[in-house]
């Protein structure tokens, strides 16, 4: 990332009115209508970036409603990126779904494929579309993986497959794009407190036929710091990786998780 970011578009009301460390940076956050993506967008804006948010949920405050696992939607999204921001300095591939919870022999193949398509397919499609724009300054990419991308995770086969895949793509694209000055990194969040994690715990407890309180306690005990993280913690790491302070950090997989020891809840 260049030390000198171009001035943000005067018409973009998402930029912070005060100069910050990311002033002039133009960012696209996928899945930014809620949860981790929303926190990432808020942190980038706080630090002065101009941010375009896309989400498949039309009820969110997304700037562009799109299903980025579909090529036609991604093409339409990047027309908006060019028109509204004039370029791109940071792509945050955040889109993800929890996917089904089941042992492998009970896993529905269509649900497996859908989970992988949403997580891995969107990461590929958005990156493919972004590279031309990112070469101009050059810019950087942050892929949101998971601690499930570096551990086994019982009952969550498609989610694990996709998140491990995100790390493989991160390493590969850092190699492919490094000569152009484009940095590519992955963040692995741990368990993020909130409605999505509540749903994960509820479904796991139901699948295993045990009490939700037991599963919740087990998730806390997986982590050395014995706590869920907050979505804002991921936003802070994205902001750092997007900044000139991280100009030689690329191809890295960075966990923000309080130190996960295991993903087993048994």
C-alpha atoms as a PDB file:
ATOM      1  CA  UNK A   1       0.000   0.000   0.000  1.00  0.00           C
ATOM      2  CA  UNK A   2       1.351   3.386  -0.949  1.00  0.00           C
ATOM      3  CA  UNK A   3       1.967   5.858   1.856  1.00  0.00           C
ATOM      4  CA  UNK A   4      -0.057   8.453  -0.077  1.00  0.00           C
ATOM      5  CA  UNK A   5      -3.727   7.678  -0.587  1.00  0.00           C
ATOM      6  CA  UNK A   6      -5.708   9.642  -3.171  1.00  0.00           C
ATOM      7  CA  UNK A   7      -8.356  12.016  -1.901  1.00  0.00           C
ATOM      8  CA  UNK A   8     -11.767  10.368  -1.470  1.00  0.00           C
ATOM      9  CA  UNK A   9     -14.678  11.362  -3.667  1.00  0.00           C
ATOM     10  CA  UNK A  10     -16.359  14.468  -2.312  1.00  0.00           C
ATOM     11  CA  UNK A  11     -19.739  12.928  -3.050  1.00  0.00           C
ATOM     12  CA  UNK A  12     -19.159   9.879  -0.866  1.00  0.00           C
ATOM     13  CA  UNK A  13     -20.812  10.551   2.498  1.00  0.00           C
ATOM     14  CA  UNK A  14     -19.269   7.406   4.008  1.00  0.00           C
ATOM     15  CA  UNK A  15     -15.856   9.026   4.448  1.00  0.00           C
ATOM     16  CA  UNK A  16     -14.921  10.427   7.837  1.00  0.00           C
ATOM     17  CA  UNK A  17     -15.074  14.255   8.022  1.00  0.00           C
ATOM     18  CA  UNK A  18     -11.783  14.243   9.935  1.00  0.00           C
ATOM     19  CA  UNK A  19      -8.447  13.147   8.509  1.00  0.00           C
ATOM     20  CA  UNK A  20      -7.365   9.762   9.828  1.00  0.00           C
ATOM     21  CA  UNK A  21      -4.633   7.219   9.094  1.00  0.00           C
ATOM     22  CA  UNK A  22      -6.642   5.785   6.186  1.00  0.00           C
ATOM     23  CA  UNK A  23      -7.835   9.064   4.687  1.00  0.00           C
ATOM     24  CA  UNK A  24      -8.088   8.682   0.904  1.00  0.00           C
ATOM     25  CA  UNK A  25      -8.215   4.888   0.969  1.00  0.00           C
ATOM     26  CA  UNK A  26     -11.093   3.423  -1.048  1.00  0.00           C
ATOM     27  CA  UNK A  27     -12.380   0.133   0.337  1.00  0.00           C
ATOM     28  CA  UNK A  28     -14.952  -2.471  -0.634  1.00  0.00           C
ATOM     29  CA  UNK A  29     -16.319  -4.667   2.167  1.00  0.00           C
ATOM     30  CA  UNK A  30     -18.391  -7.664   1.143  1.00  0.00           C
ATOM     31  CA  UNK A  31     -21.021  -8.957   3.532  1.00  0.00           C
ATOM     32  CA  UNK A  32     -20.783  -5.613   5.268  1.00  0.00           C
ATOM     33  CA  UNK A  33     -24.413  -5.157   6.217  1.00  0.00           C
ATOM     34  CA  UNK A  34     -24.130  -6.791   9.642  1.00  0.00           C
ATOM     35  CA  UNK A  35     -21.803  -8.566  12.059  1.00  0.00           C
ATOM     36  CA  UNK A  36     -18.070  -8.631  11.343  1.00  0.00           C
ATOM     37  CA  UNK A  37     -18.446  -6.885   7.994  1.00  0.00           C
ATOM     38  CA  UNK A  38     -20.392  -4.022   9.498  1.00  0.00           C
ATOM     39  CA  UNK A  39     -17.744  -3.602  12.205  1.00  0.00           C
ATOM     40  CA  UNK A  40     -14.960  -3.625   9.601  1.00  0.00           C
ATOM     41  CA  UNK A  41     -16.695  -0.938   7.553  1.00  0.00           C
ATOM     42  CA  UNK A  42     -17.283   1.213  10.630  1.00  0.00           C
ATOM     43  CA  UNK A  43     -13.642   1.007  11.694  1.00  0.00           C
ATOM     44  CA  UNK A  44     -12.347   1.854   8.226  1.00  0.00           C
ATOM     45  CA  UNK A  45     -14.672   4.846   8.042  1.00  0.00           C
ATOM     46  CA  UNK A  46     -13.610   5.978  11.497  1.00  0.00           C
ATOM     47  CA  UNK A  47     -10.024   6.028  10.252  1.00  0.00           C
ATOM     48  CA  UNK A  48     -10.910   8.142   7.234  1.00  0.00           C
ATOM     49  CA  UNK A  49     -11.479   5.594   4.460  1.00  0.00           C
ATOM     50  CA  UNK A  50     -14.185   5.848   1.847  1.00  0.00           C
ATOM     51  CA  UNK A  51     -16.099   2.560   2.104  1.00  0.00           C
ATOM     52  CA  UNK A  52     -18.526   0.836  -0.226  1.00  0.00           C
ATOM     53  CA  UNK A  53     -20.492  -1.947   1.463  1.00  0.00           C
ATOM     54  CA  UNK A  54     -22.217  -4.783  -0.348  1.00  0.00           C
ATOM     55  CA  UNK A  55     -24.573  -7.336   1.153  1.00  0.00           C
ATOM     56  CA  UNK A  56     -27.098  -9.845  -0.131  1.00  0.00           C
ATOM     57  CA  UNK A  57     -29.643  -8.695   2.478  1.00  0.00           C
ATOM     58  CA  UNK A  58     -31.637  -5.770   1.138  1.00  0.00           C
ATOM     59  CA  UNK A  59     -32.828  -4.907   4.658  1.00  0.00           C
ATOM     60  CA  UNK A  60     -29.328  -3.791   5.667  1.00  0.00           C
ATOM     61  CA  UNK A  61     -27.834  -0.389   4.958  1.00  0.00           C
ATOM     62  CA  UNK A  62     -25.617  -1.820   2.200  1.00  0.00           C
ATOM     63  CA  UNK A  63     -24.614   0.554  -0.582  1.00  0.00           C
ATOM     64  CA  UNK A  64     -25.029  -2.213  -3.165  1.00  0.00           C
ATOM     65  CA  UNK A  65     -27.284  -5.237  -2.734  1.00  0.00           C
ATOM     66  CA  UNK A  66     -25.586  -8.179  -4.443  1.00  0.00           C
ATOM     67  CA  UNK A  67     -24.971 -11.907  -4.163  1.00  0.00           C
ATOM     68  CA  UNK A  68     -21.216 -11.961  -4.700  1.00  0.00           C
ATOM     69  CA  UNK A  69     -21.168 -15.720  -5.174  1.00  0.00           C
ATOM     70  CA  UNK A  70     -22.717 -14.957  -8.607  1.00  0.00           C
ATOM     71  CA  UNK A  71     -20.544 -13.615 -11.409  1.00  0.00           C
ATOM     72  CA  UNK A  72     -23.207 -11.297 -12.847  1.00  0.00           C
ATOM     73  CA  UNK A  73     -23.731  -9.641  -9.453  1.00  0.00           C
ATOM     74  CA  UNK A  74     -19.980  -9.175  -9.006  1.00  0.00           C
ATOM     75  CA  UNK A  75     -19.715  -7.559 -12.441  1.00  0.00           C
ATOM     76  CA  UNK A  76     -22.520  -5.158 -11.500  1.00  0.00           C
ATOM     77  CA  UNK A  77     -20.888  -4.448  -8.131  1.00  0.00           C
ATOM     78  CA  UNK A  78     -17.591  -3.441  -9.701  1.00  0.00           C
ATOM     79  CA  UNK A  79     -19.345  -1.038 -12.056  1.00  0.00           C
ATOM     80  CA  UNK A  80     -20.578   0.645  -8.862  1.00  0.00           C
ATOM     81  CA  UNK A  81     -17.063   0.593  -7.385  1.00  0.00           C
ATOM     82  CA  UNK A  82     -15.708   2.438 -10.408  1.00  0.00           C
ATOM     83  CA  UNK A  83     -18.626   4.858 -10.631  1.00  0.00           C
ATOM     84  CA  UNK A  84     -18.862   5.712  -6.930  1.00  0.00           C
ATOM     85  CA  UNK A  85     -15.228   5.610  -5.812  1.00  0.00           C
ATOM     86  CA  UNK A  86     -13.225   5.899  -9.021  1.00  0.00           C
ATOM     87  CA  UNK A  87     -10.960   3.022  -8.046  1.00  0.00           C
ATOM     88  CA  UNK A  88     -10.093   0.630  -5.246  1.00  0.00           C
ATOM     89  CA  UNK A  89      -7.297   0.365  -2.688  1.00  0.00           C
ATOM     90  CA  UNK A  90      -8.631  -2.333  -0.368  1.00  0.00           C
ATOM     91  CA  UNK A  91     -10.824  -5.374  -0.920  1.00  0.00           C
ATOM     92  CA  UNK A  92     -12.153  -7.091   2.193  1.00  0.00           C
ATOM     93  CA  UNK A  93     -13.569 -10.517   1.311  1.00  0.00           C
ATOM     94  CA  UNK A  94     -15.806 -11.016   4.312  1.00  0.00           C
ATOM     95  CA  UNK A  95     -18.895 -12.772   2.928  1.00  0.00           C
ATOM     96  CA  UNK A  96     -19.691 -16.008   4.724  1.00  0.00           C
ATOM     97  CA  UNK A  97     -22.433 -18.215   6.083  1.00  0.00           C
ATOM     98  CA  UNK A  98     -22.372 -20.740   8.901  1.00  0.00           C
ATOM     99  CA  UNK A  99     -23.533 -23.592   6.699  1.00  0.00           C
ATOM    100  CA  UNK A 100     -25.183 -26.807   7.884  1.00  0.00           C
ATOM    101  CA  UNK A 101     -24.352 -28.647  11.111  1.00  0.00           C
ATOM    102  CA  UNK A 102     -24.170 -32.433  10.731  1.00  0.00           C
ATOM    103  CA  UNK A 103     -21.830 -35.413  10.672  1.00  0.00           C
ATOM    104  CA  UNK A 104     -20.512 -36.151   7.205  1.00  0.00           C
ATOM    105  CA  UNK A 105     -22.838 -39.099   6.494  1.00  0.00           C
ATOM    106  CA  UNK A 106     -25.873 -36.920   7.265  1.00  0.00           C
ATOM    107  CA  UNK A 107     -24.659 -33.851   5.374  1.00  0.00           C
ATOM    108  CA  UNK A 108     -26.879 -32.691   2.532  1.00  0.00           C
ATOM    109  CA  UNK A 109     -24.674 -32.400  -0.602  1.00  0.00           C
ATOM    110  CA  UNK A 110     -26.546 -29.352  -1.887  1.00  0.00           C
ATOM    111  CA  UNK A 111     -26.113 -27.545   1.432  1.00  0.00           C
ATOM    112  CA  UNK A 112     -22.415 -28.460   1.399  1.00  0.00           C
ATOM    113  CA  UNK A 113     -21.988 -27.048  -2.110  1.00  0.00           C
ATOM    114  CA  UNK A 114     -23.915 -23.883  -1.268  1.00  0.00           C
ATOM    115  CA  UNK A 115     -21.748 -23.089   1.765  1.00  0.00           C
ATOM    116  CA  UNK A 116     -18.531 -23.542  -0.209  1.00  0.00           C
ATOM    117  CA  UNK A 117     -19.894 -21.507  -3.128  1.00  0.00           C
ATOM    118  CA  UNK A 118     -20.849 -18.583  -0.900  1.00  0.00           C
ATOM    119  CA  UNK A 119     -17.570 -18.426   1.033  1.00  0.00           C
ATOM    120  CA  UNK A 120     -14.966 -19.598  -1.451  1.00  0.00           C
ATOM    121  CA  UNK A 121     -16.778 -18.675  -4.654  1.00  0.00           C
ATOM    122  CA  UNK A 122     -17.365 -15.085  -3.566  1.00  0.00           C
ATOM    123  CA  UNK A 123     -13.749 -14.669  -2.431  1.00  0.00           C
ATOM    124  CA  UNK A 124     -12.528 -15.819  -5.837  1.00  0.00           C
ATOM    125  CA  UNK A 125     -15.007 -13.789  -7.890  1.00  0.00           C
ATOM    126  CA  UNK A 126     -14.457 -10.513  -6.052  1.00  0.00           C
ATOM    127  CA  UNK A 127     -10.682 -10.861  -6.097  1.00  0.00           C
ATOM    128  CA  UNK A 128     -10.688 -11.689  -9.803  1.00  0.00           C
ATOM    129  CA  UNK A 129     -12.709  -8.540 -10.491  1.00  0.00           C
ATOM    130  CA  UNK A 130     -10.641  -6.343  -8.150  1.00  0.00           C
ATOM    131  CA  UNK A 131      -7.098  -7.057  -9.322  1.00  0.00           C
ATOM    132  CA  UNK A 132      -7.128  -4.616 -12.241  1.00  0.00           C
ATOM    133  CA  UNK A 133      -8.172  -1.771  -9.938  1.00  0.00           C
ATOM    134  CA  UNK A 134      -5.816  -2.770  -7.143  1.00  0.00           C
ATOM    135  CA  UNK A 135      -2.825  -2.675  -9.516  1.00  0.00           C
ATOM    136  CA  UNK A 136      -3.236   1.054 -10.062  1.00  0.00           C
ATOM    137  CA  UNK A 137      -1.748   2.291  -6.745  1.00  0.00           C
ATOM    138  CA  UNK A 138      -1.257  -0.639  -5.728  1.00  0.00           C
ATOM    139  CA  UNK A 139      -3.735  -1.835  -3.103  1.00  0.00           C
ATOM    140  CA  UNK A 140      -4.270  -4.803  -0.808  1.00  0.00           C
ATOM    141  CA  UNK A 141      -6.671  -7.637  -0.048  1.00  0.00           C
ATOM    142  CA  UNK A 142      -7.802  -8.949   3.318  1.00  0.00           C
ATOM    143  CA  UNK A 143      -9.608 -12.285   3.300  1.00  0.00           C
ATOM    144  CA  UNK A 144     -11.679 -13.226   6.333  1.00  0.00           C
ATOM    145  CA  UNK A 145     -11.080 -16.896   7.135  1.00  0.00           C
ATOM    146  CA  UNK A 146     -11.629 -18.399  10.601  1.00  0.00           C
ATOM    147  CA  UNK A 147      -9.888 -20.437  13.250  1.00  0.00           C
ATOM    148  CA  UNK A 148     -11.871 -23.211  11.527  1.00  0.00           C
ATOM    149  CA  UNK A 149      -9.464 -22.605   8.644  1.00  0.00           C
ATOM    150  CA  UNK A 150      -6.539 -23.900  10.715  1.00  0.00           C
ATOM    151  CA  UNK A 151      -8.227 -26.522  12.946  1.00  0.00           C
ATOM    152  CA  UNK A 152     -10.537 -29.443  12.384  1.00  0.00           C
ATOM    153  CA  UNK A 153     -14.108 -28.629  13.418  1.00  0.00           C
ATOM    154  CA  UNK A 154     -16.529 -31.501  13.944  1.00  0.00           C
ATOM    155  CA  UNK A 155     -20.025 -31.201  12.408  1.00  0.00           C
ATOM    156  CA  UNK A 156     -19.005 -28.275  10.172  1.00  0.00           C
ATOM    157  CA  UNK A 157     -17.427 -29.929   7.102  1.00  0.00           C
ATOM    158  CA  UNK A 158     -18.410 -27.375   4.407  1.00  0.00           C
ATOM    159  CA  UNK A 159     -17.532 -24.363   6.553  1.00  0.00           C
ATOM    160  CA  UNK A 160     -14.139 -25.853   7.361  1.00  0.00           C
ATOM    161  CA  UNK A 161     -13.474 -26.775   3.734  1.00  0.00           C
ATOM    162  CA  UNK A 162     -14.249 -23.241   2.594  1.00  0.00           C
ATOM    163  CA  UNK A 163     -12.260 -21.484   5.316  1.00  0.00           C
ATOM    164  CA  UNK A 164      -9.192 -23.681   4.763  1.00  0.00           C
ATOM    165  CA  UNK A 165      -9.597 -22.876   1.082  1.00  0.00           C
ATOM    166  CA  UNK A 166      -9.557 -19.146   1.819  1.00  0.00           C
ATOM    167  CA  UNK A 167      -6.152 -19.541   3.454  1.00  0.00           C
ATOM    168  CA  UNK A 168      -4.839 -21.475   0.461  1.00  0.00           C
ATOM    169  CA  UNK A 169      -6.042 -18.732  -1.863  1.00  0.00           C
ATOM    170  CA  UNK A 170      -4.444 -16.084   0.350  1.00  0.00           C
ATOM    171  CA  UNK A 171      -1.044 -17.740   0.167  1.00  0.00           C
ATOM    172  CA  UNK A 172      -1.359 -18.334  -3.575  1.00  0.00           C
ATOM    173  CA  UNK A 173      -2.516 -14.820  -4.456  1.00  0.00           C
ATOM    174  CA  UNK A 174       0.223 -13.247  -2.306  1.00  0.00           C
ATOM    175  CA  UNK A 175       2.669 -15.098  -4.565  1.00  0.00           C
ATOM    176  CA  UNK A 176       0.898 -14.167  -7.797  1.00  0.00           C
ATOM    177  CA  UNK A 177       0.324 -10.494  -6.999  1.00  0.00           C
ATOM    178  CA  UNK A 178       3.376  -9.623  -4.930  1.00  0.00           C
ATOM    179  CA  UNK A 179       5.430  -8.359  -7.864  1.00  0.00           C
ATOM    180  CA  UNK A 180       2.652  -5.879  -8.601  1.00  0.00           C
ATOM    181  CA  UNK A 181       2.907  -4.614  -5.022  1.00  0.00           C
ATOM    182  CA  UNK A 182      -0.479  -6.020  -4.030  1.00  0.00           C
ATOM    183  CA  UNK A 183      -0.491  -7.498  -0.549  1.00  0.00           C
ATOM    184  CA  UNK A 184      -2.844 -10.350   0.387  1.00  0.00           C
ATOM    185  CA  UNK A 185      -3.467 -11.447   3.971  1.00  0.00           C
ATOM    186  CA  UNK A 186      -6.015 -13.510   5.873  1.00  0.00           C
ATOM    187  CA  UNK A 187      -7.543 -12.929   9.293  1.00  0.00           C
ATOM    188  CA  UNK A 188      -8.829 -15.858  11.326  1.00  0.00           C
ATOM    189  CA  UNK A 189     -11.423 -14.671  13.820  1.00  0.00           C
ATOM    190  CA  UNK A 190     -12.200 -16.880  16.768  1.00  0.00           C
ATOM    191  CA  UNK A 191     -15.700 -17.157  18.216  1.00  0.00           C
ATOM    192  CA  UNK A 192     -17.346 -13.761  17.824  1.00  0.00           C
ATOM    193  CA  UNK A 193     -20.050 -13.027  20.354  1.00  0.00           C
ATOM    194  CA  UNK A 194     -23.482 -12.226  18.934  1.00  0.00           C
ATOM    195  CA  UNK A 195     -26.547 -13.711  17.223  1.00  0.00           C
ATOM    196  CA  UNK A 196     -24.592 -15.761  14.686  1.00  0.00           C
ATOM    197  CA  UNK A 197     -22.556 -17.498  17.391  1.00  0.00           C
ATOM    198  CA  UNK A 198     -25.725 -18.049  19.392  1.00  0.00           C
ATOM    199  CA  UNK A 199     -27.151 -19.876  16.381  1.00  0.00           C
ATOM    200  CA  UNK A 200     -24.035 -22.023  15.998  1.00  0.00           C
ATOM    201  CA  UNK A 201     -24.275 -23.079  19.639  1.00  0.00           C
ATOM    202  CA  UNK A 202     -28.008 -23.772  19.367  1.00  0.00           C
ATOM    203  CA  UNK A 203     -27.609 -25.979  16.289  1.00  0.00           C
ATOM    204  CA  UNK A 204     -24.639 -27.889  17.707  1.00  0.00           C
ATOM    205  CA  UNK A 205     -26.483 -28.560  20.951  1.00  0.00           C
ATOM    206  CA  UNK A 206     -29.518 -29.804  19.014  1.00  0.00           C
ATOM    207  CA  UNK A 207     -27.427 -32.044  16.748  1.00  0.00           C
ATOM    208  CA  UNK A 208     -25.600 -33.576  19.708  1.00  0.00           C
ATOM    209  CA  UNK A 209     -28.663 -33.732  21.972  1.00  0.00           C
ATOM    210  CA  UNK A 210     -27.023 -31.808  24.804  1.00  0.00           C
ATOM    211  CA  UNK A 211     -27.639 -28.594  26.728  1.00  0.00           C
ATOM    212  CA  UNK A 212     -26.791 -25.264  25.073  1.00  0.00           C
ATOM    213  CA  UNK A 213     -25.122 -24.004  28.247  1.00  0.00           C
ATOM    214  CA  UNK A 214     -22.656 -26.916  28.091  1.00  0.00           C
ATOM    215  CA  UNK A 215     -21.742 -26.104  24.482  1.00  0.00           C
ATOM    216  CA  UNK A 216     -21.346 -22.394  25.240  1.00  0.00           C
ATOM    217  CA  UNK A 217     -19.072 -23.148  28.175  1.00  0.00           C
ATOM    218  CA  UNK A 218     -17.026 -25.507  25.995  1.00  0.00           C
ATOM    219  CA  UNK A 219     -16.498 -22.754  23.413  1.00  0.00           C
ATOM    220  CA  UNK A 220     -15.200 -20.426  26.105  1.00  0.00           C
ATOM    221  CA  UNK A 221     -12.859 -23.115  27.405  1.00  0.00           C
ATOM    222  CA  UNK A 222     -11.367 -23.692  23.938  1.00  0.00           C
ATOM    223  CA  UNK A 223      -9.660 -20.312  24.204  1.00  0.00           C
ATOM    224  CA  UNK A 224      -6.696 -19.489  26.447  1.00  0.00           C
ATOM    225  CA  UNK A 225      -8.208 -16.099  27.293  1.00  0.00           C
ATOM    226  CA  UNK A 226     -11.599 -17.745  28.055  1.00  0.00           C
ATOM    227  CA  UNK A 227     -13.651 -15.204  26.137  1.00  0.00           C
ATOM    228  CA  UNK A 228     -15.426 -14.584  22.856  1.00  0.00           C
ATOM    229  CA  UNK A 229     -14.029 -11.735  20.800  1.00  0.00           C
ATOM    230  CA  UNK A 230     -15.926  -8.701  19.534  1.00  0.00           C
ATOM    231  CA  UNK A 231     -16.486  -7.942  15.850  1.00  0.00           C
ATOM    232  CA  UNK A 232     -14.698  -4.623  16.369  1.00  0.00           C
ATOM    233  CA  UNK A 233     -11.478  -6.530  17.101  1.00  0.00           C
ATOM    234  CA  UNK A 234     -11.520  -7.779  13.509  1.00  0.00           C
ATOM    235  CA  UNK A 235     -12.157  -4.274  12.242  1.00  0.00           C
ATOM    236  CA  UNK A 236      -9.057  -3.022  14.045  1.00  0.00           C
ATOM    237  CA  UNK A 237      -6.878  -5.715  12.460  1.00  0.00           C
ATOM    238  CA  UNK A 238      -8.222  -4.976   8.983  1.00  0.00           C
ATOM    239  CA  UNK A 239      -7.477  -1.284   9.476  1.00  0.00           C
ATOM    240  CA  UNK A 240      -3.911  -2.101  10.481  1.00  0.00           C
ATOM    241  CA  UNK A 241      -3.339  -4.414   7.521  1.00  0.00           C
ATOM    242  CA  UNK A 242      -4.702  -1.737   5.184  1.00  0.00           C
ATOM    243  CA  UNK A 243      -2.384   0.928   6.558  1.00  0.00           C
ATOM    244  CA  UNK A 244       1.122   1.932   5.455  1.00  0.00           C
ATOM    245  CA  UNK A 245       2.401   0.449   8.732  1.00  0.00           C
ATOM    246  CA  UNK A 246       1.724  -3.005   7.228  1.00  0.00           C
ATOM    247  CA  UNK A 247       3.338  -2.289   3.851  1.00  0.00           C
ATOM    248  CA  UNK A 248       5.549  -5.397   3.947  1.00  0.00           C
ATOM    249  CA  UNK A 249       3.044  -7.759   5.541  1.00  0.00           C
ATOM    250  CA  UNK A 250       1.726 -10.165   2.914  1.00  0.00           C
ATOM    251  CA  UNK A 251       0.839 -13.833   2.655  1.00  0.00           C
ATOM    252  CA  UNK A 252       0.162 -13.972   6.381  1.00  0.00           C
ATOM    253  CA  UNK A 253      -2.571 -15.745   8.339  1.00  0.00           C
ATOM    254  CA  UNK A 254      -3.307 -13.768  11.484  1.00  0.00           C
ATOM    255  CA  UNK A 255      -5.557 -15.127  14.230  1.00  0.00           C
ATOM    256  CA  UNK A 256      -7.588 -12.688  16.319  1.00  0.00           C
ATOM    257  CA  UNK A 257      -9.053 -15.123  18.801  1.00  0.00           C
ATOM    258  CA  UNK A 258      -7.566 -14.966  22.294  1.00  0.00           C
ATOM    259  CA  UNK A 259      -5.488 -18.046  21.334  1.00  0.00           C
ATOM    260  CA  UNK A 260      -7.639 -20.969  20.253  1.00  0.00           C
ATOM    261  CA  UNK A 261      -6.323 -24.241  21.666  1.00  0.00           C
ATOM    262  CA  UNK A 262      -8.872 -26.535  19.998  1.00  0.00           C
ATOM    263  CA  UNK A 263     -12.256 -26.396  18.284  1.00  0.00           C
ATOM    264  CA  UNK A 264     -13.455 -29.557  19.957  1.00  0.00           C
ATOM    265  CA  UNK A 265     -16.418 -29.044  22.298  1.00  0.00           C
ATOM    266  CA  UNK A 266     -16.525 -32.651  23.499  1.00  0.00           C
END
